[in-house]
Amino acid sequence: QVQLVESGGGLVQAGGSLRLTCAATRRIFSVYTIGWFRQAPGKEREFVAMVWGGSGTSTEYAESVKGRFIISRDNEKRMAYLQMNSLKPDDTAVYSCAAQTSTSWTSGYWGQGTQVTVST
């Protein structure tokens, strides 16, 4: 079992930045691939970014956030981060982190999410 707790959400003006944190309870954190997802009102949940298990040097991003968001992890602290820069109103959503050791996010572990609101 892995419990994930997100923090760092809030209200920010367009063009601003936020850093989200995903804290994991499980000791052996490094083996998990960590992903960030978001869901806006009335929309389906969508992939934002992921960092593969291990050292955290291998990452992937959705096209909509490439060049603006940076995902990272600190295995010693059992934390993952999502640095969000140049935020746009379209980035408004509930952001959730997830952890998995297979190729399926649906069979992984999920946090409760944190609200990010970007105002114009």
C-alpha atoms as a PDB file:
ATOM      1  CA  GLN A   1       0.000   0.000   0.000  1.00  0.00           C
ATOM      2  CA  VAL A   2       1.133   3.515  -0.792  1.00  0.00           C
ATOM      3  CA  GLN A   3      -0.594   6.588   0.515  1.00  0.00           C
ATOM      4  CA  LEU A   4      -0.083   9.766  -1.458  1.00  0.00           C
ATOM      5  CA  VAL A   5      -0.822  13.264  -0.223  1.00  0.00           C
ATOM      6  CA  GLU A   6      -0.708  16.274  -2.511  1.00  0.00           C
ATOM      7  CA  SER A   7      -0.140  19.835  -1.404  1.00  0.00           C
ATOM      8  CA  GLY A   8       0.789  23.189  -2.859  1.00  0.00           C
ATOM      9  CA  GLY A   9      -2.331  24.019  -4.797  1.00  0.00           C
ATOM     10  CA  GLY A  10      -4.002  27.389  -4.617  1.00  0.00           C
ATOM     11  CA  LEU A  11      -5.089  30.472  -6.493  1.00  0.00           C
ATOM     12  CA  VAL A  12      -2.586  32.167  -8.778  1.00  0.00           C
ATOM     13  CA  GLN A  13      -2.775  34.771 -11.509  1.00  0.00           C
ATOM     14  CA  ALA A  14      -2.098  33.857 -15.105  1.00  0.00           C
ATOM     15  CA  GLY A  15       1.620  33.840 -15.757  1.00  0.00           C
ATOM     16  CA  GLY A  16       2.405  32.865 -12.197  1.00  0.00           C
ATOM     17  CA  SER A  17       3.939  29.723 -10.749  1.00  0.00           C
ATOM     18  CA  LEU A  18       3.074  27.033  -8.243  1.00  0.00           C
ATOM     19  CA  ARG A  19       4.907  23.971  -7.026  1.00  0.00           C
ATOM     20  CA  LEU A  20       2.877  20.924  -6.144  1.00  0.00           C
ATOM     21  CA  THR A  21       4.213  18.279  -3.794  1.00  0.00           C
ATOM     22  CA  CYS A  22       3.268  14.617  -3.627  1.00  0.00           C
ATOM     23  CA  ALA A  23       4.322  12.954  -0.383  1.00  0.00           C
ATOM     24  CA  ALA A  24       4.370   9.154  -0.190  1.00  0.00           C
ATOM     25  CA  THR A  25       4.230   6.999   2.900  1.00  0.00           C
ATOM     26  CA  ARG A  26       5.889   3.921   1.535  1.00  0.00           C
ATOM     27  CA  ARG A  27       9.559   3.444   2.394  1.00  0.00           C
ATOM     28  CA  ILE A  28      10.586   1.921  -0.909  1.00  0.00           C
ATOM     29  CA  PHE A  29       9.559   4.941  -2.987  1.00  0.00           C
ATOM     30  CA  SER A  30      12.153   4.836  -5.707  1.00  0.00           C
ATOM     31  CA  VAL A  31      10.667   1.825  -7.494  1.00  0.00           C
ATOM     32  CA  TYR A  32       7.432   3.650  -8.254  1.00  0.00           C
ATOM     33  CA  THR A  33       6.783   5.610 -11.385  1.00  0.00           C
ATOM     34  CA  ILE A  34       5.046   8.823 -10.327  1.00  0.00           C
ATOM     35  CA  GLY A  35       2.553  10.655 -12.444  1.00  0.00           C
ATOM     36  CA  TRP A  36       0.614  13.888 -12.195  1.00  0.00           C
ATOM     37  CA  PHE A  37      -2.878  14.098 -13.634  1.00  0.00           C
ATOM     38  CA  ARG A  38      -5.512  16.799 -13.638  1.00  0.00           C
ATOM     39  CA  GLN A  39      -9.234  17.037 -13.994  1.00  0.00           C
ATOM     40  CA  ALA A  40     -11.081  20.222 -14.800  1.00  0.00           C
ATOM     41  CA  PRO A  41     -14.818  20.625 -14.128  1.00  0.00           C
ATOM     42  CA  GLY A  42     -16.853  18.798 -16.733  1.00  0.00           C
ATOM     43  CA  LYS A  43     -13.786  17.235 -18.326  1.00  0.00           C
ATOM     44  CA  GLU A  44     -12.105  13.875 -18.161  1.00  0.00           C
ATOM     45  CA  ARG A  45      -8.961  13.365 -16.179  1.00  0.00           C
ATOM     46  CA  GLU A  46      -5.872  13.916 -18.288  1.00  0.00           C
ATOM     47  CA  PHE A  47      -2.225  13.053 -18.025  1.00  0.00           C
ATOM     48  CA  VAL A  48       0.138  15.907 -17.187  1.00  0.00           C
ATOM     49  CA  ALA A  49       3.578  14.488 -16.502  1.00  0.00           C
ATOM     50  CA  MET A  50       5.403  11.437 -15.203  1.00  0.00           C
ATOM     51  CA  VAL A  51       8.787  10.513 -13.870  1.00  0.00           C
ATOM     52  CA  TRP A  52       9.937   6.923 -14.169  1.00  0.00           C
ATOM     53  CA  GLY A  53      10.994   4.887 -11.174  1.00  0.00           C
ATOM     54  CA  GLY A  54      14.649   5.106 -10.285  1.00  0.00           C
ATOM     55  CA  SER A  55      16.823   8.179 -10.292  1.00  0.00           C
ATOM     56  CA  GLY A  56      14.165  10.422 -11.769  1.00  0.00           C
ATOM     57  CA  THR A  57      16.044  11.417 -14.879  1.00  0.00           C
ATOM     58  CA  SER A  58      13.498   9.996 -17.299  1.00  0.00           C
ATOM     59  CA  THR A  59      10.362  12.073 -17.670  1.00  0.00           C
ATOM     60  CA  GLU A  60       7.416  12.553 -19.986  1.00  0.00           C
ATOM     61  CA  TYR A  61       5.016  15.462 -20.418  1.00  0.00           C
ATOM     62  CA  ALA A  62       1.723  16.224 -22.060  1.00  0.00           C
ATOM     63  CA  GLU A  63       2.131  18.530 -25.024  1.00  0.00           C
ATOM     64  CA  SER A  64       0.025  21.169 -23.327  1.00  0.00           C
ATOM     65  CA  VAL A  65       2.527  21.614 -20.484  1.00  0.00           C
ATOM     66  CA  LYS A  66       5.867  20.968 -22.185  1.00  0.00           C
ATOM     67  CA  GLY A  67       8.294  23.789 -21.552  1.00  0.00           C
ATOM     68  CA  ARG A  68       6.203  25.139 -18.672  1.00  0.00           C
ATOM     69  CA  PHE A  69       5.975  22.311 -16.136  1.00  0.00           C
ATOM     70  CA  ILE A  70       8.803  20.308 -14.600  1.00  0.00           C
ATOM     71  CA  ILE A  71       8.351  17.047 -12.747  1.00  0.00           C
ATOM     72  CA  SER A  72      10.975  15.803 -10.333  1.00  0.00           C
ATOM     73  CA  ARG A  73      11.394  13.450  -7.416  1.00  0.00           C
ATOM     74  CA  ASP A  74      13.422  13.126  -4.254  1.00  0.00           C
ATOM     75  CA  ASN A  75      13.565   9.450  -3.312  1.00  0.00           C
ATOM     76  CA  GLU A  76      15.186  10.055   0.051  1.00  0.00           C
ATOM     77  CA  LYS A  77      12.335  12.331   1.088  1.00  0.00           C
ATOM     78  CA  ARG A  78       9.765  10.102  -0.657  1.00  0.00           C
ATOM     79  CA  MET A  79       8.405  13.089  -2.507  1.00  0.00           C
ATOM     80  CA  ALA A  80       7.610  14.100  -6.051  1.00  0.00           C
ATOM     81  CA  TYR A  81       7.121  17.617  -7.310  1.00  0.00           C
ATOM     82  CA  LEU A  82       5.429  19.412 -10.137  1.00  0.00           C
ATOM     83  CA  GLN A  83       6.823  22.868 -10.780  1.00  0.00           C
ATOM     84  CA  MET A  84       4.274  24.782 -12.821  1.00  0.00           C
ATOM     85  CA  ASN A  85       5.359  27.982 -14.536  1.00  0.00           C
ATOM     86  CA  SER A  86       3.652  30.377 -16.922  1.00  0.00           C
ATOM     87  CA  LEU A  87       0.296  29.168 -15.701  1.00  0.00           C
ATOM     88  CA  LYS A  88      -2.778  29.728 -17.836  1.00  0.00           C
ATOM     89  CA  PRO A  89      -6.476  29.740 -16.937  1.00  0.00           C
ATOM     90  CA  ASP A  90      -6.757  26.464 -18.879  1.00  0.00           C
ATOM     91  CA  ASP A  91      -4.491  24.872 -16.263  1.00  0.00           C
ATOM     92  CA  THR A  92      -7.234  25.246 -13.665  1.00  0.00           C
ATOM     93  CA  ALA A  93      -8.067  21.776 -12.359  1.00  0.00           C
ATOM     94  CA  VAL A  94      -7.719  19.370  -9.482  1.00  0.00           C
ATOM     95  CA  TYR A  95      -4.232  17.907  -9.702  1.00  0.00           C
ATOM     96  CA  SER A  96      -3.597  14.407  -8.425  1.00  0.00           C
ATOM     97  CA  CYS A  97      -0.467  12.353  -8.170  1.00  0.00           C
ATOM     98  CA  ALA A  98      -0.343   8.621  -8.742  1.00  0.00           C
ATOM     99  CA  ALA A  99       2.200   5.863  -8.224  1.00  0.00           C
ATOM    100  CA  GLN A 100       2.539   2.593 -10.055  1.00  0.00           C
ATOM    101  CA  THR A 101       5.042  -0.163 -10.742  1.00  0.00           C
ATOM    102  CA  SER A 102       3.322  -1.591 -13.805  1.00  0.00           C
ATOM    103  CA  THR A 103       2.164   0.133 -16.982  1.00  0.00           C
ATOM    104  CA  SER A 104      -1.352   0.771 -15.720  1.00  0.00           C
ATOM    105  CA  TRP A 105      -2.224   3.886 -13.754  1.00  0.00           C
ATOM    106  CA  THR A 106      -5.665   2.534 -12.979  1.00  0.00           C
ATOM    107  CA  SER A 107      -4.131  -0.252 -10.914  1.00  0.00           C
ATOM    108  CA  GLY A 108      -1.822   2.122  -9.080  1.00  0.00           C
ATOM    109  CA  TYR A 109      -2.203   4.332  -6.037  1.00  0.00           C
ATOM    110  CA  TRP A 110      -3.777   7.780  -6.098  1.00  0.00           C
ATOM    111  CA  GLY A 111      -3.854  10.813  -3.889  1.00  0.00           C
ATOM    112  CA  GLN A 112      -6.926  12.909  -3.150  1.00  0.00           C
ATOM    113  CA  GLY A 113      -5.843  15.831  -5.251  1.00  0.00           C
ATOM    114  CA  THR A 114      -5.173  19.520  -4.763  1.00  0.00           C
ATOM    115  CA  GLN A 115      -7.032  22.376  -6.418  1.00  0.00           C
ATOM    116  CA  VAL A 116      -5.181  24.741  -8.719  1.00  0.00           C
ATOM    117  CA  THR A 117      -7.033  27.820  -9.896  1.00  0.00           C
ATOM    118  CA  VAL A 118      -5.496  30.232 -12.381  1.00  0.00           C
ATOM    119  CA  SER A 119      -7.224  33.575 -12.692  1.00  0.00           C
ATOM    120  CA  THR A 120      -7.056  35.954 -15.640  1.00  0.00           C
END
